[in-house]
């Protein structure tokens, strides 16, 4: 039998035992008890009070547990420093998007300490491996409870410094834990019940009805379903477009989410990547020129309701005017809206342009785990009912019809989305959106005051800034990067308290390593200086990028 490093294991197990909550094995508190419960552990405060909004508690209730970066920052991800980047260009290598597997304990508590060496050893590949042969019975491996206790601490740490990706980590679904013991599967069409009885279709249909009303669809005119993520919603929307217009050309901006062009590859569609304006919107003149070159073919357009990096919203009305000017009849164009994050926010922004089915659009995809918050990735796809008939097939085995991308579908996701919408209500969602928009403006102002280049689109909570020159800071705050820029997506779990700490570290980084210089004349950072954004930008100065992978 192969021997493991027992001293490290023993130290890790001892550390886990010391930090484990004494009541971790007891039954979770009920909803009524949780409303007033305050648990103290490791110098952090846990408050379960959550009502109509997922916003964090007032700033004065936060407590700093990690207020200095004088020590060597830790990656806390047990990744070898020699692991290759996703791309060959290190300027394009940000932090991989982590799944928001978190349940409202840790996101708003301040900043949690990094894992110790012993705790990191507990989550190493050697310790979490699964024994597979008779000679290796796993006797020297840590037990599953110790591993999971350490993993829980890692997730709390990561959630407390989560800035770069659009996930709302402030939620509480403890009332639904009881249902995790069921294999809830919404296989088949959401509106046509299968023979499989353990499903959540009634909740899924309620969620679809909510979004149909939100986006102004007439009764009995719509069809939709709960997806695994925004990408699946885009794949479904573009599939319908292809089926409606088999010889159509897909037009979308270069700053579009990669899933749109993935769909074009999957479905072997002709696609045009249209240049963008400096702030990330599609270049409308370039779009008109490309469409005019192919007027003999139907037009399929993806409209971005918030681009991935800059949060830019394409002007739907202007695109519709282009189609009218070019004399493209309604039956010759198809519009899909990728609204992964902001399609959920825009209806609650005062005086924002309307994106709804009262206009000649055909489908919308939105993520459920982003603005609403959910412990598993999910989303909603919504379209006009007549379009889905083109992909519908009867499946006797299911006693239902096949209309979705996936066959088996996670019924838990529909239940969680329904719960979030019922608990928050319109007023709660509105409050979350206002928090995100106002806090994003606060972050932009603080970064600008610190003498760093920073921009914020009007209809966005995504703050774009020059990329810090210290990769440790990027990984610590989980910033999403594109070449010489980075961004912070302000969600309900991002607070002024954390922003002040983040900006403080940005200033330290600038003083120590200098500032990022534009990598080329038309680089993303150079475009942040454009006057089309409005206001003024702080010009960057030349410096050398400090890499530490």
Protein backbone atom coordinates (compact mmCIF):
# COMPACT_ATOMS: atom_id res chain seq x y z
CA UNK A 1 0.00 0.00 0.00
CA UNK A 2 1.31 3.40 -0.97
CA UNK A 3 2.00 5.63 2.03
CA UNK A 4 0.81 9.25 2.13
CA UNK A 5 2.24 12.22 4.00
CA UNK A 6 0.64 11.50 7.32
CA UNK A 7 2.02 14.53 9.21
CA UNK A 8 0.44 16.93 6.74
CA UNK A 9 -2.82 15.03 6.90
CA UNK A 10 -2.82 15.03 10.68
CA UNK A 11 -2.12 18.77 10.77
CA UNK A 12 -4.87 19.45 8.24
CA UNK A 13 -7.35 17.31 10.13
CA UNK A 14 -6.47 19.04 13.37
CA UNK A 15 -6.95 22.46 11.76
CA UNK A 16 -10.30 21.42 10.34
CA UNK A 17 -11.43 20.15 13.72
CA UNK A 18 -10.41 23.41 15.40
CA UNK A 19 -12.31 25.56 12.91
CA UNK A 20 -15.40 23.41 12.55
CA UNK A 21 -18.55 24.92 13.96
CA UNK A 22 -19.57 22.99 17.11
CA UNK A 23 -23.10 22.67 15.80
CA UNK A 24 -22.15 21.67 12.25
CA UNK A 25 -23.63 18.23 12.67
CA UNK A 26 -26.89 19.48 14.12
CA UNK A 27 -30.07 20.19 12.20
CA UNK A 28 -30.15 23.53 10.39
CA UNK A 29 -32.27 26.21 12.10
CA UNK A 30 -35.81 26.69 10.95
CA UNK A 31 -36.76 29.81 9.00
CA UNK A 32 -38.24 31.51 12.03
CA UNK A 33 -35.25 30.73 14.20
CA UNK A 34 -32.82 31.73 11.48
CA UNK A 35 -34.36 35.17 11.25
CA UNK A 36 -32.82 36.14 14.55
CA UNK A 37 -29.88 33.79 14.79
CA UNK A 38 -26.42 35.34 14.95
CA UNK A 39 -23.57 32.85 15.03
CA UNK A 40 -20.00 33.83 15.77
CA UNK A 41 -17.12 31.79 14.38
CA UNK A 42 -13.50 32.68 13.55
CA UNK A 43 -14.00 36.41 14.23
CA UNK A 44 -16.76 36.69 11.62
CA UNK A 45 -20.44 37.41 12.09
CA UNK A 46 -23.18 35.39 10.45
CA UNK A 47 -26.63 36.96 10.29
CA UNK A 48 -29.44 35.10 8.57
CA UNK A 49 -31.83 38.07 8.45
CA UNK A 50 -32.95 38.17 4.83
CA UNK A 51 -36.33 39.45 3.76
CA UNK A 52 -37.44 41.19 0.55
CA UNK A 53 -33.96 41.84 -0.80
CA UNK A 54 -30.67 39.98 -1.01
CA UNK A 55 -28.69 43.10 -0.17
CA UNK A 56 -26.01 42.72 2.52
CA UNK A 57 -26.43 44.00 6.02
CA UNK A 58 -25.57 47.63 6.87
CA UNK A 59 -21.91 48.52 6.54
CA UNK A 60 -21.38 48.99 10.27
CA UNK A 61 -22.21 45.33 10.89
CA UNK A 62 -19.29 44.13 8.78
CA UNK A 63 -16.05 43.10 10.40
CA UNK A 64 -12.68 42.91 8.72
CA UNK A 65 -10.93 39.59 9.17
CA UNK A 66 -8.22 40.14 6.57
CA UNK A 67 -7.25 43.77 6.27
CA UNK A 68 -3.69 43.63 5.04
CA UNK A 69 -1.85 42.52 1.93
CA UNK A 70 1.58 42.88 3.49
CA UNK A 71 1.77 39.10 3.69
CA UNK A 72 2.21 37.06 0.53
CA UNK A 73 -1.29 36.80 -1.05
CA UNK A 74 -2.50 33.24 -1.46
CA UNK A 75 -4.23 31.74 -4.45
CA UNK A 76 -6.38 29.45 -2.31
CA UNK A 77 -7.18 27.28 -5.28
CA UNK A 78 -4.61 24.49 -4.96
CA UNK A 79 -3.53 25.10 -8.55
CA UNK A 80 0.05 24.43 -9.46
CA UNK A 81 1.87 27.62 -10.45
CA UNK A 82 3.08 25.78 -13.56
CA UNK A 83 -0.43 25.16 -14.95
CA UNK A 84 -0.73 26.67 -18.43
CA UNK A 85 -3.04 29.57 -19.11
CA UNK A 86 -6.28 28.92 -20.99
CA UNK A 87 -4.82 30.92 -23.87
CA UNK A 88 -1.23 31.30 -24.96
CA UNK A 89 -1.43 35.05 -24.36
CA UNK A 90 -1.10 35.80 -20.61
CA UNK A 91 -2.82 39.16 -21.11
CA UNK A 92 -5.99 37.24 -21.99
CA UNK A 93 -5.77 34.89 -19.02
CA UNK A 94 -8.00 36.07 -16.21
CA UNK A 95 -9.30 33.97 -13.36
CA UNK A 96 -11.61 31.16 -14.53
CA UNK A 97 -15.24 31.85 -13.67
CA UNK A 98 -16.01 30.04 -10.39
CA UNK A 99 -19.40 28.50 -9.81
CA UNK A 100 -21.32 30.47 -7.24
CA UNK A 101 -21.85 27.50 -4.91
CA UNK A 102 -22.68 29.57 -1.87
CA UNK A 103 -25.64 30.03 0.41
CA UNK A 104 -25.57 33.54 1.90
CA UNK A 105 -23.02 32.82 4.65
CA UNK A 106 -19.80 34.69 3.94
CA UNK A 107 -20.61 36.95 0.97
CA UNK A 108 -21.43 39.98 3.10
CA UNK A 109 -19.32 39.35 6.21
CA UNK A 110 -16.21 41.25 5.26
CA UNK A 111 -13.11 39.50 3.99
CA UNK A 112 -12.38 35.96 5.17
CA UNK A 113 -8.82 34.81 5.90
CA UNK A 114 -7.01 32.62 3.34
CA UNK A 115 -6.56 28.94 3.98
CA UNK A 116 -3.54 27.79 5.97
CA UNK A 117 -0.91 25.48 4.49
CA UNK A 118 -2.47 22.55 6.33
CA UNK A 119 -5.92 23.38 5.00
CA UNK A 120 -4.64 23.73 1.45
CA UNK A 121 -3.03 20.30 1.83
CA UNK A 122 -6.44 18.92 2.81
CA UNK A 123 -7.81 19.90 -0.62
CA UNK A 124 -4.80 18.79 -2.67
CA UNK A 125 -5.36 16.27 -5.50
CA UNK A 126 -3.59 13.62 -3.44
CA UNK A 127 -5.97 14.06 -0.50
CA UNK A 128 -9.24 14.24 -2.46
CA UNK A 129 -8.45 11.39 -4.84
CA UNK A 130 -10.82 8.42 -5.00
CA UNK A 131 -9.25 4.98 -4.27
CA UNK A 132 -9.89 2.57 -7.12
CA UNK A 133 -8.01 -0.68 -6.52
CA UNK A 134 -7.66 -3.27 -3.76
CA UNK A 135 -4.12 -2.24 -2.89
CA UNK A 136 -5.24 1.30 -2.13
CA UNK A 137 -8.06 1.25 0.38
CA UNK A 138 -7.71 4.95 1.25
CA UNK A 139 -6.95 4.25 4.90
CA UNK A 140 -4.45 7.13 5.08
CA UNK A 141 -6.74 9.64 3.39
CA UNK A 142 -8.67 12.28 5.35
CA UNK A 143 -12.32 11.49 5.89
CA UNK A 144 -14.97 13.17 3.77
CA UNK A 145 -16.31 15.34 6.61
CA UNK A 146 -12.90 16.93 7.21
CA UNK A 147 -12.41 17.56 3.49
CA UNK A 148 -15.85 19.14 3.13
CA UNK A 149 -15.36 21.33 6.20
CA UNK A 150 -12.19 22.71 4.65
CA UNK A 151 -13.89 23.11 1.26
CA UNK A 152 -16.65 25.10 2.95
CA UNK A 153 -14.06 27.46 4.36
CA UNK A 154 -12.47 27.83 0.92
CA UNK A 155 -15.83 28.76 -0.63
CA UNK A 156 -16.47 31.33 2.09
CA UNK A 157 -13.05 32.85 1.43
CA UNK A 158 -13.59 32.96 -2.35
CA UNK A 159 -17.09 34.36 -1.98
CA UNK A 160 -15.88 37.17 0.28
CA UNK A 161 -13.52 38.54 -2.41
CA UNK A 162 -15.68 37.88 -5.47
CA UNK A 163 -15.60 40.95 -7.74
CA UNK A 164 -15.02 40.00 -11.36
CA UNK A 165 -17.98 37.84 -12.35
CA UNK A 166 -21.72 38.62 -12.41
CA UNK A 167 -23.01 36.31 -9.70
CA UNK A 168 -25.27 37.46 -6.89
CA UNK A 169 -23.93 35.58 -3.87
CA UNK A 170 -26.40 37.09 -1.41
CA UNK A 171 -29.27 34.65 -1.08
CA UNK A 172 -30.76 32.25 1.41
CA UNK A 173 -32.52 29.11 0.21
CA UNK A 174 -32.38 27.09 3.41
CA UNK A 175 -36.13 26.45 3.22
CA UNK A 176 -35.48 24.42 0.06
CA UNK A 177 -32.76 22.15 1.48
CA UNK A 178 -35.37 19.51 2.25
CA UNK A 179 -36.04 19.08 -1.47
CA UNK A 180 -32.43 18.27 -2.37
CA UNK A 181 -33.10 14.65 -1.46
CA UNK A 182 -35.40 14.30 -4.48
CA UNK A 183 -34.29 13.65 -8.06
CA UNK A 184 -36.43 16.41 -9.59
CA UNK A 185 -36.26 16.15 -13.38
CA UNK A 186 -38.31 18.31 -15.76
CA UNK A 187 -37.47 16.19 -18.78
CA UNK A 188 -39.38 17.11 -21.91
CA UNK A 189 -41.41 20.23 -22.60
CA UNK A 190 -42.30 22.34 -19.54
CA UNK A 191 -45.93 22.68 -20.65
CA UNK A 192 -46.54 19.00 -21.52
CA UNK A 193 -46.23 16.69 -18.54
CA UNK A 194 -44.16 13.54 -18.92
CA UNK A 195 -44.90 10.17 -17.30
CA UNK A 196 -42.05 10.92 -14.91
CA UNK A 197 -43.80 12.31 -11.86
CA UNK A 198 -40.95 13.77 -9.78
CA UNK A 199 -40.83 17.17 -11.48
CA UNK A 200 -41.31 20.88 -10.73
CA UNK A 201 -43.18 21.91 -13.89
CA UNK A 202 -45.76 23.94 -11.99
CA UNK A 203 -42.95 26.10 -10.59
CA UNK A 204 -41.15 26.27 -13.94
CA UNK A 205 -44.29 27.46 -15.72
CA UNK A 206 -44.83 30.09 -13.02
CA UNK A 207 -41.28 31.38 -13.59
CA UNK A 208 -41.88 31.53 -17.35
CA UNK A 209 -45.15 33.40 -16.80
CA UNK A 210 -43.34 35.95 -14.63
CA UNK A 211 -40.74 36.74 -17.27
CA UNK A 212 -43.35 36.79 -20.05
CA UNK A 213 -45.21 39.51 -18.16
CA UNK A 214 -41.96 41.32 -17.33
CA UNK A 215 -41.09 41.48 -21.03
CA UNK A 216 -44.65 42.38 -22.11
CA UNK A 217 -45.79 39.23 -23.90
CA UNK A 218 -49.45 38.60 -24.63
CA UNK A 219 -51.14 35.66 -22.93
CA UNK A 220 -50.87 32.40 -24.86
CA UNK A 221 -48.31 33.94 -27.26
CA UNK A 222 -45.12 32.73 -25.60
CA UNK A 223 -43.10 29.64 -24.86
CA UNK A 224 -40.02 29.22 -22.68
CA UNK A 225 -38.18 27.01 -20.26
CA UNK A 226 -35.63 27.05 -17.43
CA UNK A 227 -32.18 26.41 -18.87
CA UNK A 228 -28.88 25.32 -17.36
CA UNK A 229 -27.33 28.76 -18.02
CA UNK A 230 -27.40 31.81 -20.29
CA UNK A 231 -25.34 29.97 -22.90
CA UNK A 232 -28.05 27.33 -23.32
CA UNK A 233 -30.60 30.12 -23.75
CA UNK A 234 -28.46 31.61 -26.50
CA UNK A 235 -28.01 28.22 -28.17
CA UNK A 236 -31.77 27.75 -28.15
CA UNK A 237 -32.52 31.25 -29.40
CA UNK A 238 -30.07 31.00 -32.31
CA UNK A 239 -31.33 27.48 -33.13
CA UNK A 240 -34.85 28.87 -33.52
CA UNK A 241 -33.49 31.67 -35.69
CA UNK A 242 -31.72 29.16 -37.93
CA UNK A 243 -34.85 27.02 -38.22
CA UNK A 244 -36.97 30.06 -39.10
CA UNK A 245 -34.38 31.32 -41.61
CA UNK A 246 -32.17 28.42 -42.78
CA UNK A 247 -30.24 30.64 -45.20
CA UNK A 248 -30.00 33.65 -42.88
CA UNK A 249 -26.82 35.46 -41.88
CA UNK A 250 -26.10 36.01 -38.20
CA UNK A 251 -24.88 39.48 -37.23
CA UNK A 252 -23.47 40.25 -33.79
CA UNK A 253 -20.82 42.56 -32.36
CA UNK A 254 -17.24 41.52 -31.74
CA UNK A 255 -17.79 42.04 -28.01
CA UNK A 256 -20.62 39.51 -27.96
CA UNK A 257 -20.47 36.60 -25.51
CA UNK A 258 -18.63 33.68 -27.04
CA UNK A 259 -21.74 31.46 -26.91
CA UNK A 260 -23.34 33.30 -29.85
CA UNK A 261 -20.48 32.46 -32.21
CA UNK A 262 -20.34 28.98 -30.69
CA UNK A 263 -23.96 28.57 -31.79
CA UNK A 264 -23.02 29.71 -35.30
CA UNK A 265 -20.32 27.03 -35.43
CA UNK A 266 -22.63 24.33 -34.04
CA UNK A 267 -25.36 25.14 -36.56
CA UNK A 268 -22.98 25.90 -39.47
CA UNK A 269 -24.38 29.38 -39.95
CA UNK A 270 -22.76 32.25 -41.79
CA UNK A 271 -21.91 34.84 -39.15
CA UNK A 272 -20.54 38.38 -39.20
CA UNK A 273 -18.62 39.83 -36.23
CA UNK A 274 -19.44 43.55 -36.42
CA UNK A 275 -16.93 46.10 -35.04
CA UNK A 276 -17.87 47.96 -31.87
CA UNK A 277 -17.80 51.53 -30.68
CA UNK A 278 -15.24 52.31 -27.94
CA UNK A 279 -17.75 51.83 -25.13
CA UNK A 280 -18.71 48.36 -26.44
CA UNK A 281 -21.94 48.92 -28.38
CA UNK A 282 -22.21 47.53 -31.88
CA UNK A 283 -21.05 49.90 -34.64
CA UNK A 284 -24.42 50.72 -36.18
CA UNK A 285 -23.01 52.08 -39.44
CA UNK A 286 -20.89 48.96 -39.91
CA UNK A 287 -23.95 46.79 -39.17
CA UNK A 288 -26.02 48.63 -41.78
CA UNK A 289 -23.23 48.27 -44.35
CA UNK A 290 -22.92 44.52 -43.79
CA UNK A 291 -26.67 43.93 -43.99
CA UNK A 292 -26.90 45.94 -47.21
CA UNK A 293 -24.27 43.66 -48.77
CA UNK A 294 -26.45 40.60 -48.13
CA UNK A 295 -29.98 41.89 -48.69
CA UNK A 296 -30.81 38.75 -50.66
CA UNK A 297 -30.55 36.70 -47.45
CA UNK A 298 -32.60 36.87 -44.24
CA UNK A 299 -31.15 38.89 -41.34
CA UNK A 300 -30.53 37.28 -37.94
CA UNK A 301 -29.30 39.75 -35.32
CA UNK A 302 -28.09 39.14 -31.79
CA UNK A 303 -28.69 42.26 -29.69
CA UNK A 304 -26.54 42.50 -26.56
CA UNK A 305 -28.38 43.65 -23.47
CA UNK A 306 -25.08 44.15 -21.65
CA UNK A 307 -21.83 42.94 -23.21
CA UNK A 308 -19.63 40.54 -21.27
CA UNK A 309 -16.67 42.84 -20.54
CA UNK A 310 -18.00 46.42 -20.71
CA UNK A 311 -21.67 45.92 -19.94
CA UNK A 312 -22.65 47.83 -23.08
CA UNK A 313 -26.27 47.71 -24.24
CA UNK A 314 -26.92 47.69 -27.98
CA UNK A 315 -29.58 50.20 -29.01
CA UNK A 316 -32.49 48.00 -30.10
CA UNK A 317 -34.52 50.90 -31.47
CA UNK A 318 -31.64 52.08 -33.62
CA UNK A 319 -31.15 48.56 -34.99
CA UNK A 320 -34.85 48.38 -35.84
CA UNK A 321 -34.57 51.74 -37.64
CA UNK A 322 -31.67 50.34 -39.68
CA UNK A 323 -33.81 47.40 -40.76
CA UNK A 324 -36.64 49.72 -41.72
CA UNK A 325 -34.31 52.05 -43.63
CA UNK A 326 -32.94 49.09 -45.59
CA UNK A 327 -36.51 47.90 -46.35
CA UNK A 328 -36.06 44.55 -44.61
CA UNK A 329 -39.61 43.21 -44.06
CA UNK A 330 -40.56 41.65 -40.72
CA UNK A 331 -40.74 38.16 -42.18
CA UNK A 332 -37.12 38.50 -43.35
CA UNK A 333 -35.44 39.24 -40.02
CA UNK A 334 -35.13 37.56 -36.63
CA UNK A 335 -33.84 39.24 -33.46
CA UNK A 336 -32.46 37.40 -30.44
CA UNK A 337 -31.54 39.35 -27.29
CA UNK A 338 -28.70 38.10 -25.12
CA UNK A 339 -29.62 39.58 -21.75
CA UNK A 340 -27.67 37.25 -19.45
CA UNK A 341 -27.33 39.83 -16.68
CA UNK A 342 -28.90 43.12 -17.63
CA UNK A 343 -32.17 41.92 -19.19
CA UNK A 344 -33.08 41.09 -15.59
CA UNK A 345 -32.06 44.58 -14.44
CA UNK A 346 -33.18 46.92 -17.21
CA UNK A 347 -36.94 46.73 -16.47
CA UNK A 348 -36.17 48.11 -13.00
CA UNK A 349 -33.95 51.03 -14.12
CA UNK A 350 -35.88 54.28 -14.28
CA UNK A 351 -36.06 55.83 -17.78
CA UNK A 352 -34.15 52.96 -19.38
CA UNK A 353 -35.01 52.04 -22.99
CA UNK A 354 -37.62 49.32 -23.23
CA UNK A 355 -36.56 45.88 -24.38
CA UNK A 356 -39.73 43.82 -24.65
CA UNK A 357 -41.85 41.71 -26.98
CA UNK A 358 -44.01 44.72 -27.76
CA UNK A 359 -41.22 45.38 -30.23
CA UNK A 360 -40.43 42.99 -33.11
CA UNK A 361 -37.99 40.75 -31.29
CA UNK A 362 -38.16 36.97 -31.28
CA UNK A 363 -36.35 35.60 -28.22
CA UNK A 364 -34.54 36.58 -25.02
CA UNK A 365 -32.08 34.60 -22.89
CA UNK A 366 -31.26 35.56 -19.32
CA UNK A 367 -29.27 33.92 -16.52
CA UNK A 368 -30.98 33.05 -13.27
CA UNK A 369 -27.89 32.68 -11.08
CA UNK A 370 -26.62 36.17 -11.89
CA UNK A 371 -29.01 38.89 -10.76
CA UNK A 372 -31.43 36.71 -8.80
CA UNK A 373 -28.82 34.47 -7.20
CA UNK A 374 -28.95 30.68 -7.16
CA UNK A 375 -26.60 27.92 -5.92
CA UNK A 376 -26.52 26.31 -9.38
CA UNK A 377 -26.09 27.90 -12.83
CA UNK A 378 -29.46 28.32 -14.54
CA UNK A 379 -31.35 30.63 -16.84
CA UNK A 380 -34.54 31.34 -18.74
CA UNK A 381 -35.17 31.16 -22.47
CA UNK A 382 -38.29 32.90 -23.77
CA UNK A 383 -39.59 33.07 -27.33
CA UNK A 384 -42.70 33.47 -29.42
CA UNK A 385 -44.78 30.29 -29.43
CA UNK A 386 -44.92 29.93 -33.20
CA UNK A 387 -41.13 29.65 -33.44
CA UNK A 388 -40.79 26.64 -31.17
CA UNK A 389 -43.17 24.64 -33.35
CA UNK A 390 -40.33 24.41 -35.88
CA UNK A 391 -38.20 22.27 -33.52
CA UNK A 392 -40.95 20.33 -31.72
CA UNK A 393 -40.91 16.54 -31.97
CA UNK A 394 -43.15 14.04 -30.22
CA UNK A 395 -41.26 11.54 -28.01
CA UNK A 396 -43.41 8.56 -26.99
CA UNK A 397 -40.81 7.43 -24.45
CA UNK A 398 -41.39 10.67 -22.51
CA UNK A 399 -45.08 11.04 -23.27
CA UNK A 400 -44.09 14.64 -24.01
CA UNK A 401 -42.46 16.62 -26.80
CA UNK A 402 -38.82 17.50 -27.38
CA UNK A 403 -38.45 21.29 -27.62
CA UNK A 404 -35.42 22.04 -25.44
CA UNK A 405 -31.65 21.75 -25.92
CA UNK A 406 -31.26 19.31 -23.03
CA UNK A 407 -33.32 16.17 -22.44
CA UNK A 408 -33.18 15.71 -18.67
CA UNK A 409 -33.45 19.13 -17.05
CA UNK A 410 -32.68 20.21 -13.50
CA UNK A 411 -36.00 20.62 -11.72
CA UNK A 412 -34.21 22.02 -8.67
CA UNK A 413 -33.25 25.14 -10.65
CA UNK A 414 -36.88 25.94 -11.48
CA UNK A 415 -37.81 25.55 -7.82
CA UNK A 416 -35.00 27.85 -6.67
CA UNK A 417 -35.86 30.51 -9.23
CA UNK A 418 -39.52 30.41 -8.23
CA UNK A 419 -38.58 30.74 -4.57
CA UNK A 420 -36.30 33.72 -5.22
CA UNK A 421 -38.93 35.55 -7.25
CA UNK A 422 -41.64 34.93 -4.66
CA UNK A 423 -39.46 35.99 -1.73
CA UNK A 424 -37.99 39.09 -3.36
CA UNK A 425 -41.00 40.31 -5.28
CA UNK A 426 -40.80 43.27 -7.65
CA UNK A 427 -39.86 45.65 -4.82
CA UNK A 428 -36.98 43.44 -3.68
CA UNK A 429 -35.55 43.04 -7.18
CA UNK A 430 -35.83 46.80 -7.72
CA UNK A 431 -33.92 47.46 -4.51
CA UNK A 432 -31.13 45.08 -5.55
CA UNK A 433 -30.86 46.75 -8.97
CA UNK A 434 -30.69 50.24 -7.48
CA UNK A 435 -27.97 49.07 -5.09
CA UNK A 436 -25.92 47.66 -7.97
CA UNK A 437 -26.21 50.77 -10.12
CA UNK A 438 -25.46 53.23 -7.32
CA UNK A 439 -22.61 51.16 -5.88
CA UNK A 440 -21.05 50.84 -9.35
CA UNK A 441 -20.98 54.63 -9.59
CA UNK A 442 -19.31 54.76 -6.17
CA UNK A 443 -16.64 52.30 -7.34
CA UNK A 444 -16.02 54.25 -10.54
CA UNK A 445 -15.60 57.48 -8.61
CA UNK A 446 -13.24 55.93 -6.04
CA UNK A 447 -11.00 54.41 -8.74
CA UNK A 448 -10.93 57.66 -10.71
CA UNK A 449 -10.08 59.63 -7.58
CA UNK A 450 -7.19 57.21 -7.04
CA UNK A 451 -5.71 58.31 -10.36
CA UNK A 452 -6.51 55.17 -12.35
CA UNK A 453 -8.32 54.84 -15.67
CA UNK A 454 -11.89 53.68 -15.16
CA UNK A 455 -15.18 53.72 -17.11
CA UNK A 456 -18.83 52.83 -16.50
CA UNK A 457 -21.48 52.58 -19.19
CA UNK A 458 -24.75 54.37 -18.52
CA UNK A 459 -26.93 51.25 -18.39
CA UNK A 460 -24.51 49.02 -16.52
CA UNK A 461 -23.11 47.93 -13.18
CA UNK A 462 -19.87 46.74 -14.82
CA UNK A 463 -16.91 48.98 -13.96
CA UNK A 464 -14.06 48.71 -16.48
CA UNK A 465 -10.56 49.69 -15.40
CA UNK A 466 -6.94 49.41 -16.43
CA UNK A 467 -5.57 45.98 -15.63
CA UNK A 468 -3.54 45.89 -12.39
CA UNK A 469 0.09 44.93 -12.91
CA UNK A 470 0.13 42.44 -10.04
CA UNK A 471 -1.40 39.10 -10.98
CA UNK A 472 -1.78 38.17 -7.31
CA UNK A 473 -4.22 41.03 -6.83
CA UNK A 474 -6.14 39.90 -9.93
CA UNK A 475 -6.47 36.37 -8.57
CA UNK A 476 -7.23 37.50 -5.04
CA UNK A 477 -10.25 39.55 -6.18
CA UNK A 478 -11.08 37.15 -9.04
CA UNK A 479 -11.05 39.93 -11.62
CA UNK A 480 -12.06 39.11 -15.19
CA UNK A 481 -9.44 40.44 -17.62
CA UNK A 482 -9.20 41.07 -21.34
CA UNK A 483 -5.74 42.03 -22.56
CA UNK A 484 -4.90 45.32 -20.80
CA UNK A 485 -8.21 45.94 -19.01
CA UNK A 486 -10.10 44.29 -16.16
CA UNK A 487 -13.60 44.72 -14.82
CA UNK A 488 -15.64 44.51 -11.64
CA UNK A 489 -19.30 43.52 -11.90
CA UNK A 490 -21.10 45.15 -8.99
CA UNK A 491 -23.69 42.74 -7.62
CA UNK A 492 -25.74 42.83 -4.39
CA UNK A 493 -22.86 41.19 -2.47
CA UNK A 494 -20.43 43.99 -3.46
CA UNK A 495 -20.46 46.67 -0.77
CA UNK A 496 -18.81 50.04 -0.23
CA UNK A 497 -16.89 48.43 2.60
CA UNK A 498 -15.27 45.95 0.22
CA UNK A 499 -14.84 48.57 -2.50
CA UNK A 500 -12.79 50.76 -0.17
CA UNK A 501 -10.52 47.81 0.60
CA UNK A 502 -10.22 46.90 -3.07
CA UNK A 503 -9.31 50.45 -4.11
CA UNK A 504 -6.78 50.63 -1.28
CA UNK A 505 -5.06 47.55 -2.71
CA UNK A 506 -5.23 49.00 -6.25
CA UNK A 507 -3.38 52.09 -5.04
CA UNK A 508 -0.76 49.91 -3.32
CA UNK A 509 -0.36 47.98 -6.57
CA UNK A 510 0.06 51.19 -8.56
CA UNK A 511 2.65 52.54 -6.13
CA UNK A 512 4.60 49.27 -6.14
CA UNK A 513 4.36 48.10 -9.76
CA UNK A 514 3.28 51.15 -11.74
CA UNK A 515 0.41 51.24 -14.22
CA UNK A 516 -0.55 49.21 -17.26
CA UNK A 517 0.28 50.81 -20.60
CA UNK A 518 -1.86 50.20 -23.70
CA UNK A 519 -0.65 47.05 -25.45
CA UNK A 520 -1.34 48.50 -28.89
CA UNK A 521 -2.86 51.60 -30.47
CA UNK A 522 -6.38 50.15 -30.59
CA UNK A 523 -6.20 48.04 -27.43
CA UNK A 524 -9.13 47.87 -24.98
CA UNK A 525 -7.28 50.19 -22.58
CA UNK A 526 -6.72 52.74 -25.32
CA UNK A 527 -10.44 52.72 -26.06
CA UNK A 528 -11.19 53.61 -22.43
CA UNK A 529 -9.65 57.02 -23.19
CA UNK A 530 -12.19 57.74 -25.95
CA UNK A 531 -14.40 60.79 -25.45
CA UNK A 532 -17.41 58.74 -26.60
CA UNK A 533 -17.70 57.44 -23.04
CA UNK A 534 -18.30 60.97 -21.81
CA UNK A 535 -16.49 62.56 -18.89
CA UNK A 536 -12.74 62.26 -18.62
CA UNK A 537 -10.25 59.42 -18.25
CA UNK A 538 -6.99 59.27 -16.34
CA UNK A 539 -4.29 58.66 -18.96
CA UNK A 540 -2.12 55.61 -18.23
CA UNK A 541 1.66 55.75 -18.10
CA UNK A 542 4.16 53.18 -19.29
CA UNK A 543 5.06 50.35 -16.92
CA UNK A 544 6.08 46.71 -17.03
CA UNK A 545 3.50 44.01 -16.35
CA UNK A 546 4.37 42.02 -13.23
CA UNK A 547 3.48 38.37 -13.79
CA UNK A 548 3.40 35.75 -11.07
CA UNK A 549 1.62 32.58 -12.15
